[in-house]
Amino acid sequence: MLTLPDFKQKQIVFAFLSYGEKIRFSNDNLIILDEDGNIKHQSTCYKLFALFVVGHITITSGLLQRSEKFGFSIVLLTHNLRIYAVLGSKTEGNTLLRTKQYKYDSLEIAHRLVENKIYNQQIILKKIRNKNGKIKNAIFNLEIYKTKLLENLQLKDLLGVEGISSRVYFSALFQDFNWKRRMPRAKQDITNCLLDIGYTILFNITEALLNLYGFDIYYGVYHKQFYQRKSLACDLMEPFRPLIDYRIYKAYKLSQIKEEDFDLIQDKYFIFGKKAQPYIKFILEVILKNKIEIFSYFQKYYRAFVAEKGIHLYPYFKIDESS
């Protein structure tokens, strides 16, 4: 099983085949060539955690064998960054873990996940230097909503607290950028488009980490079970979402987001190919900056869950207030 020292060396790599890049392997090294045939990236497969491929690719037995041998996931995306397949290396046969998953019927973990998410939303708003009344009120109200979680809420009420907290948080964070509301996958504006991209990357990293331990990622502790929905991955990415939110906020402040990079198609915003590369880069940077804390979180979650520890011994991810 992957250890923290090993994970520290791991890399997440994007290859944009739609725009002329090519993937090659040589002596267990991954090589990505640009459209002119020059080496853009080269690293050993031993250091690869996930390979994201944008565009059409022929999956060979050699690629699948390397994925299994070196334990990295392959995530396949269309040219507009919609994921259509994930080929992952998984830990199989952890029957003890899965037995405990299927027997678990409490909302304790769900309460902790939502409380952790709201805590980090508060941290993000507190990091904003010039706080106007709307931001100050949002920080105050989020504390009230967080306090409500001390009650023994049923699932419907818990979802309600999370929903209203997110509405208050987003309307304060993105108030200067024509924010209307969060609409997953609707891509009604540039901000929602970027949030979808960031959350998709985070989701797939979450899935890969859960697969390291042999979790049934379809069996959640918070989100309801639906056919082919990876509910546990949806659950455990919640505390980390504000990392993506704040990086997009900073990108606006640094003038890194340009409207001309996006295409409006049937009232939805999309970004394609080379134009997407700098956006994916700054999203990946914030995830990789926190990769040790993220890995430690999942390692501690696995240990707490399989040992059936008290909820106070489960991990709690705190965003760095100083960065």
Protein backbone atom coordinates (compact mmCIF):
# COMPACT_ATOMS: atom_id res chain seq x y z
CA MET A 1 0.00 0.00 0.00
CA LEU A 2 1.28 3.48 -0.88
CA THR A 3 3.00 5.28 1.99
CA LEU A 4 3.27 9.02 2.64
CA PRO A 5 7.01 9.22 1.76
CA ASP A 6 6.21 7.50 -1.56
CA PHE A 7 3.24 9.77 -2.24
CA LYS A 8 5.37 12.88 -1.73
CA GLN A 9 7.25 11.97 -4.91
CA LYS A 10 4.13 11.30 -6.99
CA GLN A 11 3.12 13.46 -9.95
CA ILE A 12 -0.16 14.26 -11.73
CA VAL A 13 0.32 14.76 -15.48
CA PHE A 14 -1.96 16.21 -18.19
CA ALA A 15 -1.50 15.36 -21.87
CA PHE A 16 -3.45 17.36 -24.50
CA LEU A 17 -3.60 14.94 -27.43
CA SER A 18 -6.34 17.00 -29.10
CA TYR A 19 -3.76 19.63 -29.96
CA GLY A 20 -0.89 17.55 -31.24
CA GLU A 21 0.77 16.25 -28.10
CA LYS A 22 1.80 12.59 -28.04
CA ILE A 23 2.40 10.05 -25.26
CA ARG A 24 5.28 7.59 -25.38
CA PHE A 25 6.88 5.18 -22.97
CA SER A 26 10.55 4.31 -22.95
CA ASN A 27 12.19 2.06 -20.33
CA ASP A 28 9.30 2.70 -17.90
CA ASN A 29 9.53 6.45 -18.44
CA LEU A 30 6.53 8.53 -19.47
CA ILE A 31 7.34 10.97 -22.27
CA ILE A 32 5.01 13.66 -23.59
CA LEU A 33 5.95 15.29 -26.87
CA ASP A 34 4.57 18.62 -28.07
CA GLU A 35 3.12 19.17 -31.55
CA ASP A 36 6.64 19.74 -32.94
CA GLY A 37 8.00 16.49 -31.51
CA ASN A 38 9.96 18.14 -28.70
CA ILE A 39 9.94 16.59 -25.22
CA LYS A 40 7.53 18.55 -23.05
CA HIS A 41 7.55 16.23 -20.04
CA GLN A 42 9.53 13.18 -19.01
CA SER A 43 9.39 11.27 -15.74
CA THR A 44 9.60 7.75 -14.45
CA CYS A 45 6.35 5.80 -14.13
CA TYR A 46 7.33 5.09 -10.53
CA LYS A 47 6.48 8.73 -9.75
CA LEU A 48 3.18 8.82 -11.63
CA PHE A 49 -0.03 9.00 -9.58
CA ALA A 50 -2.53 9.96 -12.28
CA LEU A 51 -2.38 10.57 -16.02
CA PHE A 52 -5.11 12.82 -17.46
CA VAL A 53 -5.44 12.47 -21.24
CA VAL A 54 -7.41 15.12 -23.17
CA GLY A 55 -8.48 13.92 -26.62
CA HIS A 56 -8.61 10.60 -28.44
CA ILE A 57 -6.12 7.91 -27.53
CA THR A 58 -5.57 4.29 -28.45
CA ILE A 59 -5.36 2.27 -25.25
CA THR A 60 -2.68 -0.38 -25.65
CA SER A 61 -1.95 -3.40 -23.51
CA GLY A 62 1.38 -1.78 -22.66
CA LEU A 63 -0.32 1.28 -21.19
CA LEU A 64 -2.72 -0.86 -19.13
CA GLN A 65 0.14 -3.05 -17.91
CA ARG A 66 2.09 -0.02 -16.79
CA SER A 67 -0.96 1.40 -15.00
CA GLU A 68 -1.30 -1.86 -13.07
CA LYS A 69 2.43 -2.30 -12.44
CA PHE A 70 3.11 1.23 -11.22
CA GLY A 71 -0.29 1.89 -9.64
CA PHE A 72 -1.38 5.03 -11.49
CA SER A 73 -4.85 5.97 -12.72
CA ILE A 74 -5.64 6.96 -16.31
CA VAL A 75 -8.38 9.58 -16.70
CA LEU A 76 -9.72 10.11 -20.23
CA LEU A 77 -11.36 13.42 -21.17
CA THR A 78 -12.95 14.87 -24.30
CA HIS A 79 -11.50 18.02 -25.87
CA ASN A 80 -13.94 20.12 -23.77
CA LEU A 81 -12.69 18.44 -20.56
CA ARG A 82 -15.63 16.10 -19.97
CA ILE A 83 -14.49 12.83 -18.43
CA TYR A 84 -15.68 9.74 -20.26
CA ALA A 85 -13.59 6.98 -18.68
CA VAL A 86 -11.35 6.29 -15.69
CA LEU A 87 -8.97 3.35 -15.70
CA GLY A 88 -7.59 2.98 -12.23
CA SER A 89 -5.27 0.80 -10.25
CA LYS A 90 -7.23 -0.53 -7.29
CA THR A 91 -6.61 -2.49 -4.12
CA GLU A 92 -8.82 -5.54 -4.43
CA GLY A 93 -10.10 -7.94 -1.80
CA ASN A 94 -10.29 -5.72 1.28
CA THR A 95 -13.38 -7.59 2.42
CA LEU A 96 -13.11 -6.43 6.04
CA LEU A 97 -13.26 -2.79 4.97
CA ARG A 98 -16.20 -3.34 2.64
CA THR A 99 -18.12 -5.33 5.23
CA LYS A 100 -17.78 -2.37 7.60
CA GLN A 101 -18.87 0.01 4.85
CA TYR A 102 -22.07 -1.90 4.14
CA LYS A 103 -22.91 -2.12 7.85
CA TYR A 104 -22.34 1.58 8.55
CA ASP A 105 -25.66 3.41 8.94
CA SER A 106 -24.84 6.52 11.01
CA LEU A 107 -24.72 10.20 10.00
CA GLU A 108 -21.81 11.01 12.31
CA ILE A 109 -19.24 11.11 9.53
CA ALA A 110 -21.60 13.13 7.34
CA HIS A 111 -21.96 15.75 10.08
CA ARG A 112 -18.17 15.97 10.40
CA LEU A 113 -17.67 16.32 6.64
CA VAL A 114 -20.20 19.16 6.37
CA GLU A 115 -18.85 20.91 9.45
CA ASN A 116 -15.30 20.64 8.07
CA LYS A 117 -16.43 22.09 4.74
CA ILE A 118 -18.18 25.06 6.39
CA TYR A 119 -15.13 25.65 8.59
CA ASN A 120 -12.94 25.92 5.50
CA GLN A 121 -15.46 28.16 3.77
CA GLN A 122 -15.12 30.52 6.74
CA ILE A 123 -11.34 30.40 6.48
CA ILE A 124 -11.52 31.35 2.80
CA LEU A 125 -13.70 34.38 3.52
CA LYS A 126 -11.45 35.41 6.42
CA LYS A 127 -8.43 35.35 4.06
CA ILE A 128 -9.95 38.17 1.98
CA ARG A 129 -8.15 41.36 3.01
CA ASN A 130 -10.76 44.03 2.41
CA LYS A 131 -13.93 42.57 3.86
CA ASN A 132 -17.15 44.41 3.13
CA GLY A 133 -20.39 43.96 5.02
CA LYS A 134 -21.53 41.02 2.91
CA ILE A 135 -18.37 39.04 3.62
CA LYS A 136 -18.50 39.82 7.35
CA ASN A 137 -22.14 38.79 7.51
CA ALA A 138 -21.38 35.59 5.63
CA ILE A 139 -18.62 34.66 8.11
CA PHE A 140 -21.02 35.32 11.00
CA ASN A 141 -23.86 33.32 9.43
CA LEU A 142 -21.60 30.39 8.58
CA GLU A 143 -20.74 30.15 12.27
CA ILE A 144 -24.45 29.93 13.07
CA TYR A 145 -24.97 27.20 10.47
CA LYS A 146 -21.95 25.33 11.79
CA THR A 147 -23.43 25.46 15.29
CA LYS A 148 -26.63 23.86 13.99
CA LEU A 149 -24.60 20.78 13.16
CA LEU A 150 -24.15 20.14 16.87
CA GLU A 151 -27.77 19.05 16.84
CA ASN A 152 -28.60 15.51 15.81
CA LEU A 153 -29.84 16.50 12.35
CA GLN A 154 -31.50 14.06 10.01
CA LEU A 155 -30.18 13.77 6.46
CA LYS A 156 -32.73 16.17 4.96
CA ASP A 157 -31.87 18.87 7.52
CA LEU A 158 -28.14 18.26 7.11
CA LEU A 159 -28.43 18.74 3.36
CA GLY A 160 -30.39 21.92 4.00
CA VAL A 161 -27.69 23.38 6.26
CA GLU A 162 -24.99 22.55 3.71
CA GLY A 163 -27.04 24.07 0.90
CA ILE A 164 -27.79 27.39 2.58
CA SER A 165 -24.19 27.66 3.83
CA SER A 166 -22.87 27.25 0.30
CA ARG A 167 -25.29 29.84 -1.08
CA VAL A 168 -24.21 32.40 1.50
CA TYR A 169 -20.53 31.57 0.98
CA PHE A 170 -20.50 31.71 -2.83
CA SER A 171 -22.57 34.90 -3.01
CA ALA A 172 -20.02 36.60 -0.74
CA LEU A 173 -16.86 35.13 -2.31
CA PHE A 174 -17.76 35.86 -5.94
CA GLN A 175 -19.92 38.96 -5.43
CA ASP A 176 -17.63 41.07 -7.65
CA PHE A 177 -17.71 38.63 -10.56
CA ASN A 178 -21.36 38.58 -11.67
CA TRP A 179 -22.18 35.59 -9.48
CA LYS A 180 -25.75 34.27 -9.69
CA ARG A 181 -25.76 30.82 -8.14
CA ARG A 182 -23.94 27.52 -8.13
CA MET A 183 -25.27 25.26 -10.86
CA PRO A 184 -23.15 22.12 -11.30
CA ARG A 185 -22.61 21.12 -14.93
CA ALA A 186 -24.92 23.92 -16.18
CA LYS A 187 -21.89 26.15 -16.93
CA GLN A 188 -24.10 29.25 -16.96
CA ASP A 189 -21.09 31.49 -16.44
CA ILE A 190 -17.31 31.36 -16.48
CA THR A 191 -17.03 30.88 -12.73
CA ASN A 192 -19.31 27.83 -12.74
CA CYS A 193 -17.37 26.44 -15.71
CA LEU A 194 -14.08 26.74 -13.81
CA LEU A 195 -15.57 25.32 -10.61
CA ASP A 196 -16.73 22.29 -12.58
CA ILE A 197 -13.24 21.77 -13.98
CA GLY A 198 -11.58 22.16 -10.58
CA TYR A 199 -14.03 19.90 -8.78
CA THR A 200 -13.70 17.27 -11.51
CA ILE A 201 -9.93 17.10 -11.05
CA LEU A 202 -10.34 16.99 -7.26
CA PHE A 203 -13.00 14.28 -7.56
CA ASN A 204 -10.76 12.01 -9.61
CA ILE A 205 -7.83 12.44 -7.23
CA THR A 206 -10.21 11.60 -4.37
CA GLU A 207 -11.36 8.49 -6.24
CA ALA A 208 -7.77 7.39 -6.85
CA LEU A 209 -6.89 7.80 -3.16
CA LEU A 210 -9.94 5.81 -2.05
CA ASN A 211 -9.02 3.06 -4.50
CA LEU A 212 -5.62 2.74 -2.78
CA TYR A 213 -7.35 1.26 0.25
CA GLY A 214 -10.02 -0.81 -1.46
CA PHE A 215 -13.10 1.26 -0.60
CA ASP A 216 -16.34 0.71 -2.48
CA ILE A 217 -16.50 4.26 -3.84
CA TYR A 218 -20.16 3.83 -4.77
CA TYR A 219 -21.19 3.34 -1.14
CA GLY A 220 -21.25 6.71 0.58
CA VAL A 221 -21.66 7.97 4.13
CA TYR A 222 -23.50 11.18 3.23
CA HIS A 223 -24.74 11.38 -0.36
CA LYS A 224 -27.48 8.90 -1.17
CA GLN A 225 -26.67 5.81 -3.18
CA PHE A 226 -27.64 6.07 -6.84
CA TYR A 227 -26.89 3.68 -9.65
CA GLN A 228 -23.31 4.25 -10.85
CA ARG A 229 -22.81 7.38 -8.72
CA LYS A 230 -19.51 7.32 -6.85
CA SER A 231 -21.08 8.61 -3.66
CA LEU A 232 -18.13 8.10 -1.32
CA ALA A 233 -15.83 10.12 -3.59
CA CYS A 234 -18.49 12.87 -3.61
CA ASP A 235 -18.56 12.73 0.20
CA LEU A 236 -14.86 12.87 0.98
CA MET A 237 -13.97 15.65 -1.43
CA GLU A 238 -16.26 18.07 0.44
CA PRO A 239 -13.71 19.52 2.91
CA PHE A 240 -11.29 20.24 0.03
CA ARG A 241 -13.64 22.10 -2.32
CA PRO A 242 -12.83 25.55 -0.84
CA LEU A 243 -9.23 25.12 -2.05
CA ILE A 244 -10.55 25.27 -5.61
CA ASP A 245 -12.94 28.13 -4.82
CA TYR A 246 -10.21 30.36 -3.42
CA ARG A 247 -7.78 29.66 -6.25
CA ILE A 248 -10.41 30.75 -8.78
CA TYR A 249 -11.11 33.86 -6.68
CA LYS A 250 -7.36 34.64 -6.68
CA ALA A 251 -7.21 34.08 -10.44
CA TYR A 252 -9.84 36.77 -10.89
CA LYS A 253 -7.92 39.14 -8.65
CA LEU A 254 -4.69 38.46 -10.54
CA SER A 255 -6.44 38.99 -13.91
CA GLN A 256 -5.63 35.40 -14.93
CA ILE A 257 -9.17 34.75 -16.19
CA LYS A 258 -9.89 36.11 -19.65
CA GLU A 259 -13.39 36.01 -21.12
CA GLU A 260 -12.04 35.56 -24.65
CA ASP A 261 -10.59 32.17 -23.64
CA PHE A 262 -14.12 30.76 -23.26
CA ASP A 263 -16.70 29.77 -25.86
CA LEU A 264 -20.43 30.26 -25.29
CA ILE A 265 -22.32 27.37 -26.89
CA GLN A 266 -26.08 27.01 -26.37
CA ASP A 267 -25.93 29.21 -23.27
CA LYS A 268 -23.09 27.19 -21.73
CA TYR A 269 -19.48 28.25 -21.26
CA PHE A 270 -16.68 25.93 -22.39
CA ILE A 271 -12.93 26.16 -22.66
CA PHE A 272 -10.95 24.05 -25.13
CA GLY A 273 -7.45 22.77 -25.70
CA LYS A 274 -4.48 25.05 -25.24
CA LYS A 275 -6.63 27.80 -23.76
CA ALA A 276 -7.50 25.46 -20.88
CA GLN A 277 -3.90 24.64 -20.02
CA PRO A 278 -3.11 27.66 -17.78
CA TYR A 279 -6.38 27.19 -15.89
CA ILE A 280 -5.71 23.51 -15.28
CA LYS A 281 -2.18 24.44 -14.23
CA PHE A 282 -3.19 26.84 -11.47
CA ILE A 283 -5.88 24.45 -10.22
CA LEU A 284 -3.39 21.58 -10.11
CA GLU A 285 -0.85 23.76 -8.33
CA VAL A 286 -3.13 24.36 -5.36
CA ILE A 287 -3.99 20.64 -5.12
CA LEU A 288 -0.33 19.62 -5.30
CA LYS A 289 0.60 22.27 -2.75
CA ASN A 290 -1.71 20.48 -0.32
CA LYS A 291 -1.08 16.93 -1.53
CA ILE A 292 0.63 15.76 1.67
CA GLU A 293 -2.26 16.96 3.82
CA ILE A 294 -4.76 15.42 1.38
CA PHE A 295 -3.00 12.06 1.37
CA SER A 296 -2.71 12.08 5.17
CA TYR A 297 -6.42 12.83 5.44
CA PHE A 298 -7.38 9.72 3.44
CA GLN A 299 -4.85 7.56 5.25
CA LYS A 300 -6.24 8.64 8.63
CA TYR A 301 -9.82 8.25 7.40
CA TYR A 302 -9.14 4.66 6.36
CA ARG A 303 -7.51 3.81 9.67
CA ALA A 304 -10.29 5.43 11.69
CA PHE A 305 -13.06 3.79 9.66
CA VAL A 306 -11.68 0.27 9.59
CA ALA A 307 -10.88 0.43 13.33
CA GLU A 308 -14.35 1.89 14.07
CA LYS A 309 -12.85 4.74 16.08
CA GLY A 310 -14.84 7.52 17.71
CA ILE A 311 -15.81 10.39 15.42
CA HIS A 312 -13.43 12.79 17.20
CA LEU A 313 -10.53 10.65 15.94
CA TYR A 314 -11.47 11.05 12.30
CA PRO A 315 -9.32 13.47 10.23
CA TYR A 316 -10.18 17.15 9.90
CA PHE A 317 -8.66 19.15 7.05
CA LYS A 318 -7.85 22.78 7.83
CA ILE A 319 -6.92 25.22 5.10
CA ASP A 320 -3.82 27.25 5.90
CA GLU A 321 -5.01 30.72 6.90
CA SER A 322 -1.65 32.35 6.15
CA SER A 323 -1.19 31.29 2.51
